[in-house]
């Protein structure tokens, strides 16, 4: 049992005297901790004057607190969208003589299209090795069609919300929390861009591979205005992710990171040492230099530094994206909204 899980027992063993937001203050009523931004602020005393600072506490729970703040903001933003959509729907439904829920449903359906046979076949092809043995396109078609339909429904809801935002001129005034994330690593896009996207990713993560399509769309929509920086977070559950990350940095040393990155995401079932070396040949790398780099783990320190930075930024999984320090979900509409916001504020 760790110290945090024993908080109840510790509370019974000791009495902590909480102080206001300045050091060496006498015992006083507790105050909102959000007012105490100085990490050296003394927030508790014990054992005859020993001090506990905000920095001491945040070293233990700072990452969790950041996640709570992100979740709180996300919930509030979702509630803002709900209030705006329902108010607009009420007005429009009344004008058209239909029920509000029916109006919303019709608007969502206007943005939704059923998955095509080509989309189903492409999804099957891309995920065939993750399906039960003996699966064929025809045996899996009903499940795949349902899965893709649900995904498209979610996308349609996002498009509906974006449409209502634009029609109503909805402006969210809540300040986006920003995380200090150093933009270091393989980079594409103009170096003087007003907007920088920092991506933490894992080459064996299927969600990271899918997010590549969204990133391509984002970079095309904001070409010349956005810089993308790739950083690594190989997860322990993915046995080949660490060496794949190191291999990509070996490719980076030969100025072919982005070509190699694409090859890895397109071949997530071939990330063993032999596969990594074959991909290097396929993208035109110097095999001798690449193999020496990979076998010698010469880029391991760079990958580990990225993982350490991800932990400091309270990154909980992959893929995780920060736009000028603002964490966004891997959905085009979210990227687009925050990027436009950042570009407007930079003028």
C-alpha atoms as a PDB file:
ATOM      1  CA  UNK A   1       0.000   0.000   0.000  1.00  0.00           C
ATOM      2  CA  UNK A   2       1.490   3.379  -0.966  1.00  0.00           C
ATOM      3  CA  UNK A   3       1.335   6.619   0.974  1.00  0.00           C
ATOM      4  CA  UNK A   4      -1.494   8.074  -1.085  1.00  0.00           C
ATOM      5  CA  UNK A   5      -3.757   5.081  -0.522  1.00  0.00           C
ATOM      6  CA  UNK A   6      -3.123   5.365   3.212  1.00  0.00           C
ATOM      7  CA  UNK A   7      -4.348   8.954   3.469  1.00  0.00           C
ATOM      8  CA  UNK A   8      -7.182   8.057   5.844  1.00  0.00           C
ATOM      9  CA  UNK A   9      -4.854   6.306   8.261  1.00  0.00           C
ATOM     10  CA  UNK A  10      -2.348   9.142   8.149  1.00  0.00           C
ATOM     11  CA  UNK A  11      -5.082  11.673   8.832  1.00  0.00           C
ATOM     12  CA  UNK A  12      -5.889   9.826  12.047  1.00  0.00           C
ATOM     13  CA  UNK A  13      -2.245   9.842  13.087  1.00  0.00           C
ATOM     14  CA  UNK A  14      -1.436  13.497  12.519  1.00  0.00           C
ATOM     15  CA  UNK A  15      -3.161  16.879  12.490  1.00  0.00           C
ATOM     16  CA  UNK A  16      -2.131  19.267   9.731  1.00  0.00           C
ATOM     17  CA  UNK A  17      -2.569  23.018  10.237  1.00  0.00           C
ATOM     18  CA  UNK A  18      -3.485  24.635   6.894  1.00  0.00           C
ATOM     19  CA  UNK A  19      -2.274  28.142   6.184  1.00  0.00           C
ATOM     20  CA  UNK A  20      -3.147  30.933   3.765  1.00  0.00           C
ATOM     21  CA  UNK A  21      -1.235  31.630   0.553  1.00  0.00           C
ATOM     22  CA  UNK A  22       1.933  33.038   1.996  1.00  0.00           C
ATOM     23  CA  UNK A  23       4.836  31.453   3.743  1.00  0.00           C
ATOM     24  CA  UNK A  24       5.182  31.322   7.526  1.00  0.00           C
ATOM     25  CA  UNK A  25       1.577  32.428   8.019  1.00  0.00           C
ATOM     26  CA  UNK A  26      -0.150  31.447  11.271  1.00  0.00           C
ATOM     27  CA  UNK A  27      -2.887  28.824  11.205  1.00  0.00           C
ATOM     28  CA  UNK A  28      -5.881  30.111   9.284  1.00  0.00           C
ATOM     29  CA  UNK A  29      -8.958  28.829   7.460  1.00  0.00           C
ATOM     30  CA  UNK A  30      -8.236  26.859   4.314  1.00  0.00           C
ATOM     31  CA  UNK A  31      -8.252  28.816   1.058  1.00  0.00           C
ATOM     32  CA  UNK A  32      -8.792  27.836  -2.558  1.00  0.00           C
ATOM     33  CA  UNK A  33      -5.591  26.140  -3.658  1.00  0.00           C
ATOM     34  CA  UNK A  34      -5.986  27.631  -7.128  1.00  0.00           C
ATOM     35  CA  UNK A  35      -4.941  30.951  -5.626  1.00  0.00           C
ATOM     36  CA  UNK A  36      -1.612  29.477  -4.564  1.00  0.00           C
ATOM     37  CA  UNK A  37       0.370  29.485  -7.795  1.00  0.00           C
ATOM     38  CA  UNK A  38       3.822  29.787  -6.203  1.00  0.00           C
ATOM     39  CA  UNK A  39       5.202  26.228  -5.887  1.00  0.00           C
ATOM     40  CA  UNK A  40       7.115  27.279  -2.761  1.00  0.00           C
ATOM     41  CA  UNK A  41       3.921  28.322  -0.981  1.00  0.00           C
ATOM     42  CA  UNK A  42       3.587  26.552   2.355  1.00  0.00           C
ATOM     43  CA  UNK A  43       0.199  24.840   2.379  1.00  0.00           C
ATOM     44  CA  UNK A  44       0.564  22.769   5.555  1.00  0.00           C
ATOM     45  CA  UNK A  45       2.700  22.403   8.669  1.00  0.00           C
ATOM     46  CA  UNK A  46       3.242  19.456  10.986  1.00  0.00           C
ATOM     47  CA  UNK A  47       5.483  18.136  13.793  1.00  0.00           C
ATOM     48  CA  UNK A  48       6.201  21.483  15.370  1.00  0.00           C
ATOM     49  CA  UNK A  49       6.724  23.587  12.283  1.00  0.00           C
ATOM     50  CA  UNK A  50       7.899  21.294   9.485  1.00  0.00           C
ATOM     51  CA  UNK A  51       6.488  22.568   6.202  1.00  0.00           C
ATOM     52  CA  UNK A  52       4.726  21.045   3.235  1.00  0.00           C
ATOM     53  CA  UNK A  53       4.797  23.157   0.090  1.00  0.00           C
ATOM     54  CA  UNK A  54       2.646  23.085  -3.005  1.00  0.00           C
ATOM     55  CA  UNK A  55       5.680  21.744  -4.862  1.00  0.00           C
ATOM     56  CA  UNK A  56       5.974  18.798  -2.435  1.00  0.00           C
ATOM     57  CA  UNK A  57       2.362  17.816  -3.011  1.00  0.00           C
ATOM     58  CA  UNK A  58       2.334  18.354  -6.772  1.00  0.00           C
ATOM     59  CA  UNK A  59       5.392  16.137  -7.135  1.00  0.00           C
ATOM     60  CA  UNK A  60       3.091  13.295  -6.070  1.00  0.00           C
ATOM     61  CA  UNK A  61      -0.243  14.216  -7.608  1.00  0.00           C
ATOM     62  CA  UNK A  62       0.510  16.974 -10.129  1.00  0.00           C
ATOM     63  CA  UNK A  63      -0.175  14.736 -13.127  1.00  0.00           C
ATOM     64  CA  UNK A  64      -3.499  13.598 -11.722  1.00  0.00           C
ATOM     65  CA  UNK A  65      -4.505  17.174 -10.949  1.00  0.00           C
ATOM     66  CA  UNK A  66      -3.729  18.205 -14.534  1.00  0.00           C
ATOM     67  CA  UNK A  67      -5.945  15.420 -15.804  1.00  0.00           C
ATOM     68  CA  UNK A  68      -8.778  16.514 -13.524  1.00  0.00           C
ATOM     69  CA  UNK A  69      -8.493  20.089 -14.803  1.00  0.00           C
ATOM     70  CA  UNK A  70      -8.565  18.855 -18.413  1.00  0.00           C
ATOM     71  CA  UNK A  71     -11.613  16.710 -17.714  1.00  0.00           C
ATOM     72  CA  UNK A  72     -13.381  19.591 -15.983  1.00  0.00           C
ATOM     73  CA  UNK A  73     -12.793  21.904 -18.933  1.00  0.00           C
ATOM     74  CA  UNK A  74     -13.904  19.243 -21.409  1.00  0.00           C
ATOM     75  CA  UNK A  75     -17.134  18.649 -19.494  1.00  0.00           C
ATOM     76  CA  UNK A  76     -17.863  22.381 -19.433  1.00  0.00           C
ATOM     77  CA  UNK A  77     -17.184  22.712 -23.162  1.00  0.00           C
ATOM     78  CA  UNK A  78     -19.485  19.798 -23.892  1.00  0.00           C
ATOM     79  CA  UNK A  79     -22.154  21.417 -21.730  1.00  0.00           C
ATOM     80  CA  UNK A  80     -21.744  24.709 -23.603  1.00  0.00           C
ATOM     81  CA  UNK A  81     -22.278  22.895 -26.898  1.00  0.00           C
ATOM     82  CA  UNK A  82     -25.333  21.142 -25.496  1.00  0.00           C
ATOM     83  CA  UNK A  83     -26.902  24.389 -24.256  1.00  0.00           C
ATOM     84  CA  UNK A  84     -26.208  26.139 -27.574  1.00  0.00           C
ATOM     85  CA  UNK A  85     -27.437  23.243 -29.731  1.00  0.00           C
ATOM     86  CA  UNK A  86     -30.633  22.748 -27.739  1.00  0.00           C
ATOM     87  CA  UNK A  87     -31.456  26.464 -27.707  1.00  0.00           C
ATOM     88  CA  UNK A  88     -30.876  26.739 -31.462  1.00  0.00           C
ATOM     89  CA  UNK A  89     -32.803  23.524 -32.109  1.00  0.00           C
ATOM     90  CA  UNK A  90     -35.729  24.735 -30.027  1.00  0.00           C
ATOM     91  CA  UNK A  91     -35.903  27.913 -32.097  1.00  0.00           C
ATOM     92  CA  UNK A  92     -35.571  26.168 -35.460  1.00  0.00           C
ATOM     93  CA  UNK A  93     -37.930  23.322 -34.580  1.00  0.00           C
ATOM     94  CA  UNK A  94     -40.632  25.763 -33.499  1.00  0.00           C
ATOM     95  CA  UNK A  95     -40.283  27.690 -36.767  1.00  0.00           C
ATOM     96  CA  UNK A  96     -40.587  24.457 -38.779  1.00  0.00           C
ATOM     97  CA  UNK A  97     -43.377  22.973 -36.684  1.00  0.00           C
ATOM     98  CA  UNK A  98     -41.497  19.848 -35.631  1.00  0.00           C
ATOM     99  CA  UNK A  99     -40.279  18.427 -32.305  1.00  0.00           C
ATOM    100  CA  UNK A 100     -36.853  19.557 -31.137  1.00  0.00           C
ATOM    101  CA  UNK A 101     -35.445  16.023 -30.954  1.00  0.00           C
ATOM    102  CA  UNK A 102     -36.679  15.323 -34.468  1.00  0.00           C
ATOM    103  CA  UNK A 103     -35.027  18.484 -35.784  1.00  0.00           C
ATOM    104  CA  UNK A 104     -31.699  17.506 -34.182  1.00  0.00           C
ATOM    105  CA  UNK A 105     -31.972  13.963 -35.516  1.00  0.00           C
ATOM    106  CA  UNK A 106     -32.671  15.234 -39.020  1.00  0.00           C
ATOM    107  CA  UNK A 107     -29.701  17.605 -38.893  1.00  0.00           C
ATOM    108  CA  UNK A 108     -27.351  14.830 -37.754  1.00  0.00           C
ATOM    109  CA  UNK A 109     -28.641  12.568 -40.538  1.00  0.00           C
ATOM    110  CA  UNK A 110     -27.930  15.296 -43.077  1.00  0.00           C
ATOM    111  CA  UNK A 111     -24.230  15.005 -42.188  1.00  0.00           C
ATOM    112  CA  UNK A 112     -24.212  11.205 -42.022  1.00  0.00           C
ATOM    113  CA  UNK A 113     -23.657   8.766 -44.858  1.00  0.00           C
ATOM    114  CA  UNK A 114     -23.759   4.964 -44.582  1.00  0.00           C
ATOM    115  CA  UNK A 115     -20.437   3.160 -45.023  1.00  0.00           C
ATOM    116  CA  UNK A 116     -19.844   2.216 -48.638  1.00  0.00           C
ATOM    117  CA  UNK A 117     -18.804  -1.294 -49.757  1.00  0.00           C
ATOM    118  CA  UNK A 118     -15.361   0.113 -50.614  1.00  0.00           C
ATOM    119  CA  UNK A 119     -14.957   1.584 -47.116  1.00  0.00           C
ATOM    120  CA  UNK A 120     -15.968  -1.717 -45.521  1.00  0.00           C
ATOM    121  CA  UNK A 121     -13.543  -3.649 -47.720  1.00  0.00           C
ATOM    122  CA  UNK A 122     -10.699  -1.214 -47.001  1.00  0.00           C
ATOM    123  CA  UNK A 123     -11.311  -1.421 -43.244  1.00  0.00           C
ATOM    124  CA  UNK A 124     -11.344  -5.223 -43.421  1.00  0.00           C
ATOM    125  CA  UNK A 125      -8.085  -5.250 -45.361  1.00  0.00           C
ATOM    126  CA  UNK A 126      -6.367  -2.885 -42.925  1.00  0.00           C
ATOM    127  CA  UNK A 127      -7.491  -4.825 -39.835  1.00  0.00           C
ATOM    128  CA  UNK A 128      -7.673  -8.392 -41.113  1.00  0.00           C
ATOM    129  CA  UNK A 129      -4.910  -9.718 -38.874  1.00  0.00           C
ATOM    130  CA  UNK A 130      -6.734  -8.491 -35.757  1.00  0.00           C
ATOM    131  CA  UNK A 131      -9.895 -10.406 -36.657  1.00  0.00           C
ATOM    132  CA  UNK A 132     -10.804 -13.979 -35.621  1.00  0.00           C
ATOM    133  CA  UNK A 133      -9.005 -16.753 -37.543  1.00  0.00           C
ATOM    134  CA  UNK A 134     -10.758 -17.684 -40.766  1.00  0.00           C
ATOM    135  CA  UNK A 135     -12.608 -14.384 -41.033  1.00  0.00           C
ATOM    136  CA  UNK A 136     -13.600 -13.254 -44.507  1.00  0.00           C
ATOM    137  CA  UNK A 137     -15.000  -9.995 -45.746  1.00  0.00           C
ATOM    138  CA  UNK A 138     -18.435 -11.559 -46.158  1.00  0.00           C
ATOM    139  CA  UNK A 139     -18.561 -13.173 -42.704  1.00  0.00           C
ATOM    140  CA  UNK A 140     -17.402  -9.949 -41.045  1.00  0.00           C
ATOM    141  CA  UNK A 141     -19.436  -7.542 -43.193  1.00  0.00           C
ATOM    142  CA  UNK A 142     -22.394  -7.088 -40.761  1.00  0.00           C
ATOM    143  CA  UNK A 143     -20.109  -6.314 -37.796  1.00  0.00           C
ATOM    144  CA  UNK A 144     -17.870  -4.035 -39.844  1.00  0.00           C
ATOM    145  CA  UNK A 145     -20.837  -2.188 -41.307  1.00  0.00           C
ATOM    146  CA  UNK A 146     -22.242  -1.603 -37.814  1.00  0.00           C
ATOM    147  CA  UNK A 147     -18.859  -0.476 -36.469  1.00  0.00           C
ATOM    148  CA  UNK A 148     -18.245   1.965 -39.313  1.00  0.00           C
ATOM    149  CA  UNK A 149     -21.822   3.249 -39.127  1.00  0.00           C
ATOM    150  CA  UNK A 150     -21.342   4.060 -35.437  1.00  0.00           C
ATOM    151  CA  UNK A 151     -18.073   5.830 -36.203  1.00  0.00           C
ATOM    152  CA  UNK A 152     -19.718   7.861 -38.965  1.00  0.00           C
ATOM    153  CA  UNK A 153     -22.585   8.730 -36.627  1.00  0.00           C
ATOM    154  CA  UNK A 154     -20.092  10.173 -34.150  1.00  0.00           C
ATOM    155  CA  UNK A 155     -18.442  12.161 -36.927  1.00  0.00           C
ATOM    156  CA  UNK A 156     -21.865  13.436 -38.025  1.00  0.00           C
ATOM    157  CA  UNK A 157     -22.642  14.640 -34.501  1.00  0.00           C
ATOM    158  CA  UNK A 158     -19.347  16.564 -34.450  1.00  0.00           C
ATOM    159  CA  UNK A 159     -20.191  18.142 -37.810  1.00  0.00           C
ATOM    160  CA  UNK A 160     -23.659  19.058 -36.544  1.00  0.00           C
ATOM    161  CA  UNK A 161     -22.188  20.771 -33.480  1.00  0.00           C
ATOM    162  CA  UNK A 162     -19.666  22.630 -35.653  1.00  0.00           C
ATOM    163  CA  UNK A 163     -22.514  23.762 -37.923  1.00  0.00           C
ATOM    164  CA  UNK A 164     -24.511  25.129 -34.990  1.00  0.00           C
ATOM    165  CA  UNK A 165     -21.424  26.888 -33.631  1.00  0.00           C
ATOM    166  CA  UNK A 166     -20.929  28.641 -36.967  1.00  0.00           C
ATOM    167  CA  UNK A 167     -24.589  29.552 -37.442  1.00  0.00           C
ATOM    168  CA  UNK A 168     -24.961  30.968 -33.935  1.00  0.00           C
ATOM    169  CA  UNK A 169     -21.512  32.574 -33.755  1.00  0.00           C
ATOM    170  CA  UNK A 170     -20.795  30.547 -30.615  1.00  0.00           C
ATOM    171  CA  UNK A 171     -17.619  31.752 -28.920  1.00  0.00           C
ATOM    172  CA  UNK A 172     -16.297  29.795 -25.946  1.00  0.00           C
ATOM    173  CA  UNK A 173     -14.750  32.228 -23.485  1.00  0.00           C
ATOM    174  CA  UNK A 174     -13.294  29.636 -21.140  1.00  0.00           C
ATOM    175  CA  UNK A 175      -9.509  29.860 -21.102  1.00  0.00           C
ATOM    176  CA  UNK A 176      -7.887  26.721 -22.451  1.00  0.00           C
ATOM    177  CA  UNK A 177      -5.368  25.258 -19.961  1.00  0.00           C
ATOM    178  CA  UNK A 178      -1.896  25.119 -21.457  1.00  0.00           C
ATOM    179  CA  UNK A 179       0.801  22.581 -20.790  1.00  0.00           C
ATOM    180  CA  UNK A 180       4.464  23.420 -21.170  1.00  0.00           C
ATOM    181  CA  UNK A 181       5.618  20.892 -23.758  1.00  0.00           C
ATOM    182  CA  UNK A 182       8.932  21.438 -25.489  1.00  0.00           C
ATOM    183  CA  UNK A 183       8.632  21.247 -29.276  1.00  0.00           C
ATOM    184  CA  UNK A 184      11.731  19.162 -29.861  1.00  0.00           C
ATOM    185  CA  UNK A 185      12.106  16.276 -32.279  1.00  0.00           C
ATOM    186  CA  UNK A 186      11.386  15.543 -35.940  1.00  0.00           C
ATOM    187  CA  UNK A 187       9.555  18.546 -37.403  1.00  0.00           C
ATOM    188  CA  UNK A 188       7.585  19.364 -40.522  1.00  0.00           C
ATOM    189  CA  UNK A 189       6.064  22.700 -41.480  1.00  0.00           C
ATOM    190  CA  UNK A 190       7.483  26.231 -41.306  1.00  0.00           C
ATOM    191  CA  UNK A 191       9.856  26.894 -38.405  1.00  0.00           C
ATOM    192  CA  UNK A 192       8.263  30.301 -37.792  1.00  0.00           C
ATOM    193  CA  UNK A 193       4.669  29.016 -37.728  1.00  0.00           C
ATOM    194  CA  UNK A 194       2.355  30.699 -35.227  1.00  0.00           C
ATOM    195  CA  UNK A 195       0.887  27.305 -34.338  1.00  0.00           C
ATOM    196  CA  UNK A 196       2.820  24.213 -33.279  1.00  0.00           C
ATOM    197  CA  UNK A 197       1.302  20.770 -32.845  1.00  0.00           C
ATOM    198  CA  UNK A 198       3.244  18.410 -30.584  1.00  0.00           C
ATOM    199  CA  UNK A 199       2.259  14.784 -31.010  1.00  0.00           C
ATOM    200  CA  UNK A 200       3.080  11.968 -28.555  1.00  0.00           C
ATOM    201  CA  UNK A 201       2.668   8.661 -30.352  1.00  0.00           C
ATOM    202  CA  UNK A 202       3.396   4.931 -30.333  1.00  0.00           C
ATOM    203  CA  UNK A 203       4.125   3.058 -33.571  1.00  0.00           C
ATOM    204  CA  UNK A 204       2.345  -0.085 -32.366  1.00  0.00           C
ATOM    205  CA  UNK A 205      -0.802   1.760 -31.265  1.00  0.00           C
ATOM    206  CA  UNK A 206      -3.700   1.254 -33.738  1.00  0.00           C
ATOM    207  CA  UNK A 207      -5.336   4.526 -32.672  1.00  0.00           C
ATOM    208  CA  UNK A 208      -2.136   6.390 -33.511  1.00  0.00           C
ATOM    209  CA  UNK A 209      -2.174   4.915 -36.995  1.00  0.00           C
ATOM    210  CA  UNK A 210      -5.782   6.018 -37.531  1.00  0.00           C
ATOM    211  CA  UNK A 211      -4.990   9.520 -36.289  1.00  0.00           C
ATOM    212  CA  UNK A 212      -2.559   9.944 -39.191  1.00  0.00           C
ATOM    213  CA  UNK A 213      -5.478  10.518 -41.565  1.00  0.00           C
ATOM    214  CA  UNK A 214      -6.757  13.340 -39.339  1.00  0.00           C
ATOM    215  CA  UNK A 215      -3.279  14.870 -39.115  1.00  0.00           C
ATOM    216  CA  UNK A 216      -2.902  14.821 -42.890  1.00  0.00           C
ATOM    217  CA  UNK A 217      -6.244  16.611 -43.181  1.00  0.00           C
ATOM    218  CA  UNK A 218      -5.225  19.196 -40.570  1.00  0.00           C
ATOM    219  CA  UNK A 219      -1.858  19.921 -42.186  1.00  0.00           C
ATOM    220  CA  UNK A 220      -3.464  20.264 -45.618  1.00  0.00           C
ATOM    221  CA  UNK A 221      -6.203  22.581 -44.331  1.00  0.00           C
ATOM    222  CA  UNK A 222      -3.650  24.854 -42.643  1.00  0.00           C
ATOM    223  CA  UNK A 223      -0.691  24.428 -44.992  1.00  0.00           C
ATOM    224  CA  UNK A 224       2.099  26.908 -44.336  1.00  0.00           C
ATOM    225  CA  UNK A 225       0.608  28.002 -41.012  1.00  0.00           C
ATOM    226  CA  UNK A 226       1.203  25.007 -38.757  1.00  0.00           C
ATOM    227  CA  UNK A 227       4.293  23.143 -37.618  1.00  0.00           C
ATOM    228  CA  UNK A 228       4.090  19.496 -36.495  1.00  0.00           C
ATOM    229  CA  UNK A 229       6.572  18.000 -34.027  1.00  0.00           C
ATOM    230  CA  UNK A 230       6.641  14.243 -33.377  1.00  0.00           C
ATOM    231  CA  UNK A 231       7.596  12.882 -29.945  1.00  0.00           C
ATOM    232  CA  UNK A 232       7.643   9.310 -28.681  1.00  0.00           C
ATOM    233  CA  UNK A 233       5.663   7.521 -25.993  1.00  0.00           C
ATOM    234  CA  UNK A 234       6.128   3.758 -26.526  1.00  0.00           C
ATOM    235  CA  UNK A 235       3.695   2.039 -24.173  1.00  0.00           C
ATOM    236  CA  UNK A 236       4.732  -1.028 -22.101  1.00  0.00           C
ATOM    237  CA  UNK A 237       1.803  -3.047 -23.498  1.00  0.00           C
ATOM    238  CA  UNK A 238       3.329  -2.855 -26.991  1.00  0.00           C
ATOM    239  CA  UNK A 239       6.441  -5.069 -27.084  1.00  0.00           C
ATOM    240  CA  UNK A 240       7.838  -3.679 -30.353  1.00  0.00           C
ATOM    241  CA  UNK A 241       7.066   0.005 -29.765  1.00  0.00           C
ATOM    242  CA  UNK A 242      10.338   0.959 -28.047  1.00  0.00           C
ATOM    243  CA  UNK A 243      12.616  -0.393 -30.773  1.00  0.00           C
ATOM    244  CA  UNK A 244      10.319   1.008 -33.470  1.00  0.00           C
ATOM    245  CA  UNK A 245      10.664   4.439 -31.878  1.00  0.00           C
ATOM    246  CA  UNK A 246      14.447   4.077 -31.722  1.00  0.00           C
ATOM    247  CA  UNK A 247      14.470   2.936 -35.351  1.00  0.00           C
ATOM    248  CA  UNK A 248      12.517   6.009 -36.446  1.00  0.00           C
ATOM    249  CA  UNK A 249      15.117   8.220 -34.810  1.00  0.00           C
ATOM    250  CA  UNK A 250      17.845   6.295 -36.623  1.00  0.00           C
ATOM    251  CA  UNK A 251      15.965   7.187 -39.808  1.00  0.00           C
ATOM    252  CA  UNK A 252      15.803  10.785 -38.569  1.00  0.00           C
ATOM    253  CA  UNK A 253      19.608  10.826 -38.437  1.00  0.00           C
ATOM    254  CA  UNK A 254      19.536  10.138 -42.186  1.00  0.00           C
ATOM    255  CA  UNK A 255      16.874  12.841 -42.757  1.00  0.00           C
ATOM    256  CA  UNK A 256      14.146  10.333 -43.608  1.00  0.00           C
ATOM    257  CA  UNK A 257      12.026  10.299 -40.458  1.00  0.00           C
ATOM    258  CA  UNK A 258       8.704  11.142 -42.104  1.00  0.00           C
ATOM    259  CA  UNK A 259       9.069   8.535 -44.855  1.00  0.00           C
ATOM    260  CA  UNK A 260      10.038   5.914 -42.274  1.00  0.00           C
ATOM    261  CA  UNK A 261       7.223   6.953 -39.916  1.00  0.00           C
ATOM    262  CA  UNK A 262       4.704   6.390 -42.695  1.00  0.00           C
ATOM    263  CA  UNK A 263       6.153   2.946 -43.410  1.00  0.00           C
ATOM    264  CA  UNK A 264       5.870   1.938 -39.744  1.00  0.00           C
ATOM    265  CA  UNK A 265       2.264   3.050 -39.381  1.00  0.00           C
ATOM    266  CA  UNK A 266       1.337   1.250 -42.600  1.00  0.00           C
ATOM    267  CA  UNK A 267       3.014  -1.970 -41.402  1.00  0.00           C
ATOM    268  CA  UNK A 268       2.202  -2.222 -37.710  1.00  0.00           C
ATOM    269  CA  UNK A 269       2.308  -6.028 -37.934  1.00  0.00           C
ATOM    270  CA  UNK A 270       5.962  -5.909 -39.064  1.00  0.00           C
ATOM    271  CA  UNK A 271       7.807  -4.119 -36.278  1.00  0.00           C
ATOM    272  CA  UNK A 272      10.293  -6.810 -35.269  1.00  0.00           C
ATOM    273  CA  UNK A 273      13.999  -6.058 -35.726  1.00  0.00           C
ATOM    274  CA  UNK A 274      13.994  -7.701 -39.161  1.00  0.00           C
ATOM    275  CA  UNK A 275      10.897  -5.737 -40.177  1.00  0.00           C
ATOM    276  CA  UNK A 276      12.376  -2.449 -38.981  1.00  0.00           C
ATOM    277  CA  UNK A 277      15.515  -3.070 -41.023  1.00  0.00           C
ATOM    278  CA  UNK A 278      13.510  -4.016 -44.113  1.00  0.00           C
ATOM    279  CA  UNK A 279      11.481  -0.796 -43.853  1.00  0.00           C
ATOM    280  CA  UNK A 280      14.781   1.115 -43.732  1.00  0.00           C
ATOM    281  CA  UNK A 281      15.801  -0.458 -47.032  1.00  0.00           C
ATOM    282  CA  UNK A 282      12.386   0.231 -48.522  1.00  0.00           C
ATOM    283  CA  UNK A 283      12.631   3.976 -47.865  1.00  0.00           C
ATOM    284  CA  UNK A 284      16.194   4.194 -49.178  1.00  0.00           C
ATOM    285  CA  UNK A 285      18.253   4.439 -45.993  1.00  0.00           C
ATOM    286  CA  UNK A 286      21.894   3.439 -45.754  1.00  0.00           C
ATOM    287  CA  UNK A 287      21.383  -0.060 -44.314  1.00  0.00           C
ATOM    288  CA  UNK A 288      24.790  -0.375 -42.681  1.00  0.00           C
ATOM    289  CA  UNK A 289      24.444   2.905 -40.806  1.00  0.00           C
ATOM    290  CA  UNK A 290      20.840   2.174 -39.889  1.00  0.00           C
ATOM    291  CA  UNK A 291      21.539  -1.327 -38.599  1.00  0.00           C
ATOM    292  CA  UNK A 292      24.467  -0.106 -36.506  1.00  0.00           C
ATOM    293  CA  UNK A 293      22.305   2.643 -35.054  1.00  0.00           C
ATOM    294  CA  UNK A 294      19.423   0.284 -34.232  1.00  0.00           C
ATOM    295  CA  UNK A 295      21.541  -2.595 -32.894  1.00  0.00           C
ATOM    296  CA  UNK A 296      23.559  -0.205 -30.767  1.00  0.00           C
ATOM    297  CA  UNK A 297      20.467   1.501 -29.287  1.00  0.00           C
ATOM    298  CA  UNK A 298      22.155   4.833 -29.972  1.00  0.00           C
ATOM    299  CA  UNK A 299      18.836   6.713 -30.080  1.00  0.00           C
ATOM    300  CA  UNK A 300      17.330   5.132 -26.949  1.00  0.00           C
ATOM    301  CA  UNK A 301      18.147   8.193 -24.812  1.00  0.00           C
ATOM    302  CA  UNK A 302      16.158  10.443 -27.166  1.00  0.00           C
ATOM    303  CA  UNK A 303      13.107   8.181 -27.004  1.00  0.00           C
ATOM    304  CA  UNK A 304      13.376   7.926 -23.211  1.00  0.00           C
ATOM    305  CA  UNK A 305      13.593  11.726 -22.953  1.00  0.00           C
ATOM    306  CA  UNK A 306      10.346  12.026 -24.907  1.00  0.00           C
ATOM    307  CA  UNK A 307       8.632   9.523 -22.615  1.00  0.00           C
ATOM    308  CA  UNK A 308       9.843  11.475 -19.592  1.00  0.00           C
ATOM    309  CA  UNK A 309       8.466  14.707 -21.084  1.00  0.00           C
ATOM    310  CA  UNK A 310       5.134  12.987 -21.732  1.00  0.00           C
ATOM    311  CA  UNK A 311       4.957  11.911 -18.106  1.00  0.00           C
ATOM    312  CA  UNK A 312       5.723  15.467 -16.936  1.00  0.00           C
ATOM    313  CA  UNK A 313       2.885  16.726 -19.140  1.00  0.00           C
ATOM    314  CA  UNK A 314       0.507  14.172 -17.586  1.00  0.00           C
ATOM    315  CA  UNK A 315       0.023  12.365 -20.888  1.00  0.00           C
ATOM    316  CA  UNK A 316      -2.055   9.273 -20.152  1.00  0.00           C
ATOM    317  CA  UNK A 317      -2.028   7.477 -23.490  1.00  0.00           C
ATOM    318  CA  UNK A 318      -1.460   7.669 -27.208  1.00  0.00           C
ATOM    319  CA  UNK A 319      -2.006   9.470 -29.416  1.00  0.00           C
ATOM    320  CA  UNK A 320      -1.961  12.748 -27.469  1.00  0.00           C
ATOM    321  CA  UNK A 321      -1.799  16.118 -29.214  1.00  0.00           C
ATOM    322  CA  UNK A 322      -1.027  19.623 -27.972  1.00  0.00           C
ATOM    323  CA  UNK A 323      -1.755  22.690 -30.101  1.00  0.00           C
ATOM    324  CA  UNK A 324       0.359  25.534 -28.682  1.00  0.00           C
ATOM    325  CA  UNK A 325       0.159  23.678 -25.369  1.00  0.00           C
ATOM    326  CA  UNK A 326      -3.620  23.104 -25.533  1.00  0.00           C
ATOM    327  CA  UNK A 327      -4.501  19.412 -25.505  1.00  0.00           C
ATOM    328  CA  UNK A 328      -6.993  18.448 -28.212  1.00  0.00           C
ATOM    329  CA  UNK A 329      -8.819  15.268 -29.154  1.00  0.00           C
ATOM    330  CA  UNK A 330      -7.722  13.625 -32.439  1.00  0.00           C
ATOM    331  CA  UNK A 331     -10.766  14.932 -34.315  1.00  0.00           C
ATOM    332  CA  UNK A 332     -10.422  17.323 -37.251  1.00  0.00           C
ATOM    333  CA  UNK A 333     -13.084  19.714 -35.942  1.00  0.00           C
ATOM    334  CA  UNK A 334     -11.246  20.100 -32.614  1.00  0.00           C
ATOM    335  CA  UNK A 335      -7.878  20.696 -34.285  1.00  0.00           C
ATOM    336  CA  UNK A 336      -9.480  23.166 -36.673  1.00  0.00           C
ATOM    337  CA  UNK A 337     -11.244  25.106 -33.919  1.00  0.00           C
ATOM    338  CA  UNK A 338      -8.150  25.487 -31.717  1.00  0.00           C
ATOM    339  CA  UNK A 339      -5.820  26.261 -34.641  1.00  0.00           C
ATOM    340  CA  UNK A 340      -8.141  29.001 -35.924  1.00  0.00           C
ATOM    341  CA  UNK A 341      -8.394  30.369 -32.400  1.00  0.00           C
ATOM    342  CA  UNK A 342      -4.611  30.441 -32.020  1.00  0.00           C
ATOM    343  CA  UNK A 343      -4.060  32.032 -35.434  1.00  0.00           C
ATOM    344  CA  UNK A 344      -6.629  34.732 -34.652  1.00  0.00           C
ATOM    345  CA  UNK A 345      -5.039  35.546 -31.295  1.00  0.00           C
ATOM    346  CA  UNK A 346      -1.567  35.738 -32.909  1.00  0.00           C
ATOM    347  CA  UNK A 347      -2.581  38.597 -35.225  1.00  0.00           C
END
